[in-house]
Structure formats: structure tokens, C-alpha cells
Protein backbone atom coordinates (compact mmCIF):
# COMPACT_ATOMS: atom_id res chain seq x y z
CA UNK A 1 0.08 0.02 0.02
CA UNK A 2 1.38 3.49 -0.68
CA UNK A 3 0.80 6.77 0.78
CA UNK A 4 -2.17 8.02 -1.35
CA UNK A 5 -4.07 4.64 -0.80
CA UNK A 6 -3.61 4.93 2.90
CA UNK A 7 -4.72 8.57 2.98
CA UNK A 8 -7.85 7.71 1.21
CA UNK A 9 -8.43 4.34 3.38
CA UNK A 10 -8.29 6.42 6.57
CA UNK A 11 -10.16 9.62 5.44
CA UNK A 12 -13.03 7.03 4.12
CA UNK A 13 -12.86 5.17 7.40
CA UNK A 14 -13.13 8.30 9.13
CA UNK A 15 -15.94 9.67 7.37
CA UNK A 16 -17.92 6.47 7.66
CA UNK A 17 -17.53 6.37 11.59
CA UNK A 18 -18.50 10.09 11.98
CA UNK A 19 -21.56 9.42 9.72
CA UNK A 20 -22.39 6.44 12.40
CA UNK A 21 -21.79 8.94 15.39
CA UNK A 22 -23.85 11.65 13.64
CA UNK A 23 -26.73 9.07 13.62
CA UNK A 24 -26.47 6.89 16.80
CA UNK A 25 -25.08 9.76 19.10
CA UNK A 26 -25.41 13.55 18.19
CA UNK A 27 -25.84 15.24 14.61
CA UNK A 28 -22.66 17.63 15.86
CA UNK A 29 -20.07 14.45 14.67
CA UNK A 30 -20.86 15.86 11.30
CA UNK A 31 -18.54 18.53 11.59
CA UNK A 32 -15.77 15.71 11.65
CA UNK A 33 -16.99 14.86 8.52
CA UNK A 34 -16.86 18.13 6.79
CA UNK A 35 -13.03 18.79 8.45
CA UNK A 36 -12.08 15.24 6.16
CA UNK A 37 -13.63 16.64 3.21
CA UNK A 38 -12.28 20.18 3.85
CA UNK A 39 -8.83 18.59 4.50
CA UNK A 40 -9.00 16.38 1.25
CA UNK A 41 -9.96 19.27 -0.98
CA UNK A 42 -6.94 21.84 0.30
CA UNK A 43 -4.51 18.78 0.06
CA UNK A 44 -5.70 18.36 -3.67
CA UNK A 45 -5.01 21.98 -4.30
CA UNK A 46 -1.87 22.44 -2.13
CA UNK A 47 -0.52 19.11 -1.80
CA UNK A 48 0.30 19.46 1.91
CA UNK A 49 -1.40 16.60 4.04
CA UNK A 50 -0.12 16.11 7.50
CA UNK A 51 -1.04 12.48 7.55
CA UNK A 52 0.94 11.53 4.40
CA UNK A 53 3.70 13.51 6.13
CA UNK A 54 3.26 11.09 9.17
CA UNK A 55 3.25 7.97 6.97
CA UNK A 56 6.43 8.78 5.07
CA UNK A 57 8.11 9.18 8.49
CA UNK A 58 6.64 5.47 9.27
CA UNK A 59 8.04 4.25 6.13
CA UNK A 60 5.29 4.00 3.80
CA UNK A 61 6.10 4.31 0.15
CA UNK A 62 5.54 7.48 -1.84
CA UNK A 63 2.51 7.60 -4.31
CA UNK A 64 1.79 9.88 -7.02
CA UNK A 65 0.08 12.47 -5.37
CA UNK A 66 2.06 12.20 -2.33
CA UNK A 67 5.83 11.47 -3.31
């Protein structure tokens, strides 16, 4: 698995978990979904992603979006 796939898998997991929490606990958890979406949007324009930097330090091989 490369960094690109790991970032997308993590973001997808956080979105699904936040939607479940919003349904069962409180609608305020939808703010987490908004945060993930905005972070993905800014990463697509700037190439800056904190998770990608952490994964790179952990030794995950680079991808095309986050080399």
C-alpha cells in the first residue's frame, strides 16, 4: 500500500465512523465529516497533508499524489 491509498482509506474510514456517530450519538459529529472533506480538498490543491507526512516517516512508500 502506498501513501495515496492509505490516506484515502483513512479518510473514508473517518467519514463512515463520523456518519455512524452522527446517526447514533449526536449530529455534531457531522463536523468531523466536514473537516475531512475540507482537508482532502485543500490537499488536492496544495499537496500538503499531515497524515501523508506521518506515513512517510513511518516508512510507507510514496505515491503519485504524495511522493
